[in-house]
Amino acid sequence: AAASILAKVARDRVMAEADHLYTGYGFAQHKGYGTKAHQEALIGLGPCPIPRLSYKPVAKVLAALQN
């Protein structure tokens, strides 16, 4: 259990740093999770290099953009 907490804390720090590199995505707030705000940023800005394109919420938004 402690390892998963440490991994989440580390990931949250990485995403806070990514917020400075990729402005407009709101990574500091949602940490890259598939929140409504993140999905709206993907629709408005397109994907940046951070998310896995195969991650279901990201893939869903990308598929909708292609249609």
PDB file of N, CA and C in Angstrom:
ATOM      1  N   ALA A   1       0.829  -1.192   0.000  1.00  0.00           N
ATOM      2  CA  ALA A   1       0.000   0.000   0.000  1.00  0.00           C
ATOM      3  C   ALA A   1       0.872   1.254   0.000  1.00  0.00           C
ATOM      4  N   ALA A   2       1.951   1.211   0.748  1.00  0.00           N
ATOM      5  CA  ALA A   2       2.830   2.384   0.807  1.00  0.00           C
ATOM      6  C   ALA A   2       3.448   2.678  -0.553  1.00  0.00           C
ATOM      7  N   ALA A   3       3.786   1.639  -1.293  1.00  0.00           N
ATOM      8  CA  ALA A   3       4.386   1.836  -2.616  1.00  0.00           C
ATOM      9  C   ALA A   3       3.426   2.557  -3.550  1.00  0.00           C
ATOM     10  N   SER A   4       2.138   2.235  -3.504  1.00  0.00           N
ATOM     11  CA  SER A   4       1.190   2.898  -4.392  1.00  0.00           C
ATOM     12  C   SER A   4       1.017   4.363  -3.996  1.00  0.00           C
ATOM     13  N   ILE A   5       1.097   4.661  -2.707  1.00  0.00           N
ATOM     14  CA  ILE A   5       1.012   6.056  -2.268  1.00  0.00           C
ATOM     15  C   ILE A   5       2.231   6.833  -2.745  1.00  0.00           C
ATOM     16  N   LEU A   6       3.403   6.228  -2.607  1.00  0.00           N
ATOM     17  CA  LEU A   6       4.625   6.886  -3.081  1.00  0.00           C
ATOM     18  C   LEU A   6       4.593   7.099  -4.587  1.00  0.00           C
ATOM     19  N   ALA A   7       4.095   6.124  -5.320  1.00  0.00           N
ATOM     20  CA  ALA A   7       3.995   6.252  -6.781  1.00  0.00           C
ATOM     21  C   ALA A   7       3.043   7.383  -7.151  1.00  0.00           C
ATOM     22  N   LYS A   8       1.919   7.489  -6.467  1.00  0.00           N
ATOM     23  CA  LYS A   8       0.964   8.554  -6.756  1.00  0.00           C
ATOM     24  C   LYS A   8       1.558   9.918  -6.445  1.00  0.00           C
ATOM     25  N   VAL A   9       2.254  10.047  -5.342  1.00  0.00           N
ATOM     26  CA  VAL A   9       2.880  11.319  -4.982  1.00  0.00           C
ATOM     27  C   VAL A   9       3.918  11.706  -6.035  1.00  0.00           C
ATOM     28  N   ALA A  10       4.714  10.748  -6.458  1.00  0.00           N
ATOM     29  CA  ALA A  10       5.727  11.017  -7.483  1.00  0.00           C
ATOM     30  C   ALA A  10       5.067  11.429  -8.796  1.00  0.00           C
ATOM     31  N   ARG A  11       4.010  10.723  -9.190  1.00  0.00           N
ATOM     32  CA  ARG A  11       3.302  11.051 -10.431  1.00  0.00           C
ATOM     33  C   ARG A  11       2.688  12.436 -10.337  1.00  0.00           C
ATOM     34  N   ASP A  12       2.092  12.771  -9.215  1.00  0.00           N
ATOM     35  CA  ASP A  12       1.498  14.090  -9.041  1.00  0.00           C
ATOM     36  C   ASP A  12       2.547  15.194  -9.196  1.00  0.00           C
ATOM     37  N   ARG A  13       3.735  14.955  -8.704  1.00  0.00           N
ATOM     38  CA  ARG A  13       4.821  15.941  -8.856  1.00  0.00           C
ATOM     39  C   ARG A  13       5.216  16.102 -10.319  1.00  0.00           C
ATOM     40  N   VAL A  14       5.322  14.991 -11.019  1.00  0.00           N
ATOM     41  CA  VAL A  14       5.658  15.036 -12.453  1.00  0.00           C
ATOM     42  C   VAL A  14       4.589  15.808 -13.217  1.00  0.00           C
ATOM     43  N   MET A  15       3.327  15.562 -12.885  1.00  0.00           N
ATOM     44  CA  MET A  15       2.244  16.234 -13.594  1.00  0.00           C
ATOM     45  C   MET A  15       2.214  17.727 -13.272  1.00  0.00           C
ATOM     46  N   ALA A  16       2.570  18.107 -12.054  1.00  0.00           N
ATOM     47  CA  ALA A  16       2.651  19.528 -11.703  1.00  0.00           C
ATOM     48  C   ALA A  16       3.742  20.209 -12.529  1.00  0.00           C
ATOM     49  N   GLU A  17       4.857  19.526 -12.749  1.00  0.00           N
ATOM     50  CA  GLU A  17       5.916  20.062 -13.607  1.00  0.00           C
ATOM     51  C   GLU A  17       5.457  20.131 -15.055  1.00  0.00           C
ATOM     52  N   ALA A  18       4.723  19.122 -15.509  1.00  0.00           N
ATOM     53  CA  ALA A  18       4.210  19.110 -16.884  1.00  0.00           C
ATOM     54  C   ALA A  18       3.243  20.263 -17.122  1.00  0.00           C
ATOM     55  N   ASP A  19       2.581  20.709 -16.059  1.00  0.00           N
ATOM     56  CA  ASP A  19       1.652  21.832 -16.174  1.00  0.00           C
ATOM     57  C   ASP A  19       2.365  23.082 -16.671  1.00  0.00           C
ATOM     58  N   HIS A  20       3.640  23.235 -16.314  1.00  0.00           N
ATOM     59  CA  HIS A  20       4.416  24.388 -16.762  1.00  0.00           C
ATOM     60  C   HIS A  20       4.859  24.232 -18.218  1.00  0.00           C
ATOM     61  N   LEU A  21       5.062  23.011 -18.659  1.00  0.00           N
ATOM     62  CA  LEU A  21       5.498  22.758 -20.033  1.00  0.00           C
ATOM     63  C   LEU A  21       4.346  22.799 -21.028  1.00  0.00           C
ATOM     64  N   TYR A  22       3.203  22.310 -20.606  1.00  0.00           N
ATOM     65  CA  TYR A  22       2.041  22.200 -21.487  1.00  0.00           C
ATOM     66  C   TYR A  22       0.889  22.990 -20.878  1.00  0.00           C
ATOM     67  N   THR A  23       0.957  24.306 -21.045  1.00  0.00           N
ATOM     68  CA  THR A  23      -0.052  25.166 -20.439  1.00  0.00           C
ATOM     69  C   THR A  23      -1.409  24.954 -21.111  1.00  0.00           C
ATOM     70  N   GLY A  24      -2.430  25.120 -20.338  1.00  0.00           N
ATOM     71  CA  GLY A  24      -3.785  24.986 -20.846  1.00  0.00           C
ATOM     72  C   GLY A  24      -4.428  23.644 -20.585  1.00  0.00           C
ATOM     73  N   TYR A  25      -3.634  22.648 -20.231  1.00  0.00           N
ATOM     74  CA  TYR A  25      -4.176  21.314 -19.983  1.00  0.00           C
ATOM     75  C   TYR A  25      -4.652  21.117 -18.542  1.00  0.00           C
ATOM     76  N   GLY A  26      -4.175  21.917 -17.620  1.00  0.00           N
ATOM     77  CA  GLY A  26      -4.602  21.811 -16.232  1.00  0.00           C
ATOM     78  C   GLY A  26      -4.029  20.631 -15.478  1.00  0.00           C
ATOM     79  N   PHE A  27      -2.849  20.175 -15.876  1.00  0.00           N
ATOM     80  CA  PHE A  27      -2.253  19.014 -15.228  1.00  0.00           C
ATOM     81  C   PHE A  27      -2.041  19.204 -13.727  1.00  0.00           C
ATOM     82  N   ALA A  28      -1.790  20.433 -13.281  1.00  0.00           N
ATOM     83  CA  ALA A  28      -1.568  20.671 -11.853  1.00  0.00           C
ATOM     84  C   ALA A  28      -2.829  20.379 -11.046  1.00  0.00           C
ATOM     85  N   GLN A  29      -3.989  20.516 -11.684  1.00  0.00           N
ATOM     86  CA  GLN A  29      -5.238  20.266 -10.974  1.00  0.00           C
ATOM     87  C   GLN A  29      -5.675  18.805 -11.079  1.00  0.00           C
ATOM     88  N   HIS A  30      -5.744  18.267 -12.283  1.00  0.00           N
ATOM     89  CA  HIS A  30      -6.314  16.915 -12.442  1.00  0.00           C
ATOM     90  C   HIS A  30      -5.273  15.823 -12.581  1.00  0.00           C
ATOM     91  N   LYS A  31      -4.027  16.182 -12.645  1.00  0.00           N
ATOM     92  CA  LYS A  31      -2.897  15.238 -12.665  1.00  0.00           C
ATOM     93  C   LYS A  31      -2.948  14.252 -13.830  1.00  0.00           C
ATOM     94  N   GLY A  32      -3.667  14.614 -14.890  1.00  0.00           N
ATOM     95  CA  GLY A  32      -3.720  13.751 -16.067  1.00  0.00           C
ATOM     96  C   GLY A  32      -4.789  12.693 -16.028  1.00  0.00           C
ATOM     97  N   TYR A  33      -5.567  12.658 -14.956  1.00  0.00           N
ATOM     98  CA  TYR A  33      -6.652  11.686 -14.898  1.00  0.00           C
ATOM     99  C   TYR A  33      -7.766  12.124 -15.839  1.00  0.00           C
ATOM    100  N   GLY A  34      -8.616  11.210 -16.225  1.00  0.00           N
ATOM    101  CA  GLY A  34      -9.636  11.461 -17.234  1.00  0.00           C
ATOM    102  C   GLY A  34     -10.819  12.266 -16.736  1.00  0.00           C
ATOM    103  N   THR A  35     -10.552  13.404 -16.154  1.00  0.00           N
ATOM    104  CA  THR A  35     -11.621  14.262 -15.667  1.00  0.00           C
ATOM    105  C   THR A  35     -12.266  15.006 -16.829  1.00  0.00           C
ATOM    106  N   LYS A  36     -13.402  15.616 -16.559  1.00  0.00           N
ATOM    107  CA  LYS A  36     -14.083  16.407 -17.584  1.00  0.00           C
ATOM    108  C   LYS A  36     -13.171  17.543 -18.070  1.00  0.00           C
ATOM    109  N   ALA A  37     -12.477  18.196 -17.138  1.00  0.00           N
ATOM    110  CA  ALA A  37     -11.572  19.289 -17.506  1.00  0.00           C
ATOM    111  C   ALA A  37     -10.455  18.798 -18.421  1.00  0.00           C
ATOM    112  N   HIS A  38      -9.914  17.624 -18.145  1.00  0.00           N
ATOM    113  CA  HIS A  38      -8.853  17.079 -18.988  1.00  0.00           C
ATOM    114  C   HIS A  38      -9.392  16.739 -20.369  1.00  0.00           C
ATOM    115  N   GLN A  39     -10.550  16.134 -20.428  1.00  0.00           N
ATOM    116  CA  GLN A  39     -11.151  15.793 -21.716  1.00  0.00           C
ATOM    117  C   GLN A  39     -11.454  17.045 -22.527  1.00  0.00           C
ATOM    118  N   GLU A  40     -11.922  18.094 -21.870  1.00  0.00           N
ATOM    119  CA  GLU A  40     -12.185  19.350 -22.572  1.00  0.00           C
ATOM    120  C   GLU A  40     -10.897  19.960 -23.112  1.00  0.00           C
ATOM    121  N   ALA A  41      -9.812  19.859 -22.348  1.00  0.00           N
ATOM    122  CA  ALA A  41      -8.516  20.358 -22.820  1.00  0.00           C
ATOM    123  C   ALA A  41      -8.045  19.559 -24.027  1.00  0.00           C
ATOM    124  N   LEU A  42      -8.232  18.255 -24.004  1.00  0.00           N
ATOM    125  CA  LEU A  42      -7.845  17.430 -25.155  1.00  0.00           C
ATOM    126  C   LEU A  42      -8.641  17.813 -26.395  1.00  0.00           C
ATOM    127  N   ILE A  43      -9.929  18.074 -26.215  1.00  0.00           N
ATOM    128  CA  ILE A  43     -10.762  18.477 -27.344  1.00  0.00           C
ATOM    129  C   ILE A  43     -10.302  19.828 -27.882  1.00  0.00           C
ATOM    130  N   GLY A  44     -10.046  20.772 -26.990  1.00  0.00           N
ATOM    131  CA  GLY A  44      -9.672  22.115 -27.411  1.00  0.00           C
ATOM    132  C   GLY A  44      -8.250  22.250 -27.917  1.00  0.00           C
ATOM    133  N   LEU A  45      -7.332  21.514 -27.324  1.00  0.00           N
ATOM    134  CA  LEU A  45      -5.910  21.667 -27.640  1.00  0.00           C
ATOM    135  C   LEU A  45      -5.313  20.485 -28.393  1.00  0.00           C
ATOM    136  N   GLY A  46      -6.023  19.365 -28.415  1.00  0.00           N
ATOM    137  CA  GLY A  46      -5.446  18.142 -28.971  1.00  0.00           C
ATOM    138  C   GLY A  46      -4.508  17.526 -27.955  1.00  0.00           C
ATOM    139  N   PRO A  47      -4.003  16.342 -28.229  1.00  0.00           N
ATOM    140  CA  PRO A  47      -3.121  15.685 -27.258  1.00  0.00           C
ATOM    141  C   PRO A  47      -1.722  16.298 -27.258  1.00  0.00           C
ATOM    142  N   CYS A  48      -1.102  16.286 -26.102  1.00  0.00           N
ATOM    143  CA  CYS A  48       0.303  16.648 -25.987  1.00  0.00           C
ATOM    144  C   CYS A  48       1.064  15.321 -25.803  1.00  0.00           C
ATOM    145  N   PRO A  49       2.378  15.347 -25.687  1.00  0.00           N
ATOM    146  CA  PRO A  49       3.135  14.094 -25.557  1.00  0.00           C
ATOM    147  C   PRO A  49       2.937  13.335 -24.243  1.00  0.00           C
ATOM    148  N   ILE A  50       2.227  13.904 -23.270  1.00  0.00           N
ATOM    149  CA  ILE A  50       2.107  13.283 -21.950  1.00  0.00           C
ATOM    150  C   ILE A  50       1.211  12.039 -21.937  1.00  0.00           C
ATOM    151  N   PRO A  51      -0.032  12.109 -22.394  1.00  0.00           N
ATOM    152  CA  PRO A  51      -0.918  10.953 -22.184  1.00  0.00           C
ATOM    153  C   PRO A  51      -0.637   9.809 -23.145  1.00  0.00           C
ATOM    154  N   ARG A  52      -0.930   8.600 -22.666  1.00  0.00           N
ATOM    155  CA  ARG A  52      -0.893   7.445 -23.567  1.00  0.00           C
ATOM    156  C   ARG A  52      -2.117   7.560 -24.470  1.00  0.00           C
ATOM    157  N   LEU A  53      -1.913   7.506 -25.749  1.00  0.00           N
ATOM    158  CA  LEU A  53      -3.025   7.635 -26.690  1.00  0.00           C
ATOM    159  C   LEU A  53      -3.959   6.438 -26.625  1.00  0.00           C
ATOM    160  N   SER A  54      -3.484   5.331 -26.064  1.00  0.00           N
ATOM    161  CA  SER A  54      -4.318   4.143 -25.929  1.00  0.00           C
ATOM    162  C   SER A  54      -5.152   4.158 -24.649  1.00  0.00           C
ATOM    163  N   TYR A  55      -4.898   5.111 -23.746  1.00  0.00           N
ATOM    164  CA  TYR A  55      -5.679   5.225 -22.515  1.00  0.00           C
ATOM    165  C   TYR A  55      -7.119   5.536 -22.905  1.00  0.00           C
ATOM    166  N   LYS A  56      -8.049   4.743 -22.427  1.00  0.00           N
ATOM    167  CA  LYS A  56      -9.417   4.772 -22.926  1.00  0.00           C
ATOM    168  C   LYS A  56     -10.043   6.175 -22.973  1.00  0.00           C
ATOM    169  N   PRO A  57      -9.973   6.991 -21.906  1.00  0.00           N
ATOM    170  CA  PRO A  57     -10.570   8.323 -22.012  1.00  0.00           C
ATOM    171  C   PRO A  57      -9.917   9.191 -23.098  1.00  0.00           C
ATOM    172  N   VAL A  58      -8.607   9.067 -23.261  1.00  0.00           N
ATOM    173  CA  VAL A  58      -7.909   9.832 -24.295  1.00  0.00           C
ATOM    174  C   VAL A  58      -8.283   9.302 -25.670  1.00  0.00           C
ATOM    175  N   ALA A  59      -8.280   8.000 -25.836  1.00  0.00           N
ATOM    176  CA  ALA A  59      -8.634   7.396 -27.117  1.00  0.00           C
ATOM    177  C   ALA A  59     -10.061   7.764 -27.522  1.00  0.00           C
ATOM    178  N   LYS A  60     -10.955   7.815 -26.552  1.00  0.00           N
ATOM    179  CA  LYS A  60     -12.352   8.170 -26.820  1.00  0.00           C
ATOM    180  C   LYS A  60     -12.454   9.598 -27.365  1.00  0.00           C
ATOM    181  N   VAL A  61     -11.753  10.525 -26.750  1.00  0.00           N
ATOM    182  CA  VAL A  61     -11.766  11.916 -27.211  1.00  0.00           C
ATOM    183  C   VAL A  61     -11.148  12.010 -28.599  1.00  0.00           C
ATOM    184  N   LEU A  62     -10.026  11.339 -28.815  1.00  0.00           N
ATOM    185  CA  LEU A  62      -9.369  11.395 -30.118  1.00  0.00           C
ATOM    186  C   LEU A  62     -10.252  10.808 -31.212  1.00  0.00           C
ATOM    187  N   ALA A  63     -10.944   9.718 -30.903  1.00  0.00           N
ATOM    188  CA  ALA A  63     -11.850   9.107 -31.881  1.00  0.00           C
ATOM    189  C   ALA A  63     -12.981  10.082 -32.235  1.00  0.00           C
ATOM    190  N   ALA A  64     -13.503  10.792 -31.234  1.00  0.00           N
ATOM    191  CA  ALA A  64     -14.575  11.753 -31.477  1.00  0.00           C
ATOM    192  C   ALA A  64     -14.081  12.905 -32.342  1.00  0.00           C
ATOM    193  N   LEU A  65     -12.822  13.319 -32.149  1.00  0.00           N
ATOM    194  CA  LEU A  65     -12.269  14.395 -32.953  1.00  0.00           C
ATOM    195  C   LEU A  65     -12.087  13.995 -34.413  1.00  0.00           C
ATOM    196  N   GLN A  66     -11.848  12.725 -34.649  1.00  0.00           N
ATOM    197  CA  GLN A  66     -11.633  12.249 -36.020  1.00  0.00           C
ATOM    198  C   GLN A  66     -12.928  12.059 -36.778  1.00  0.00           C
ATOM    199  N   ASN A  67     -14.041  11.993 -36.074  1.00  0.00           N
ATOM    200  CA  ASN A  67     -15.341  11.791 -36.727  1.00  0.00           C
ATOM    201  C   ASN A  67     -16.009  13.096 -37.044  1.00  0.00           C
TER     202      ASN A  67
END
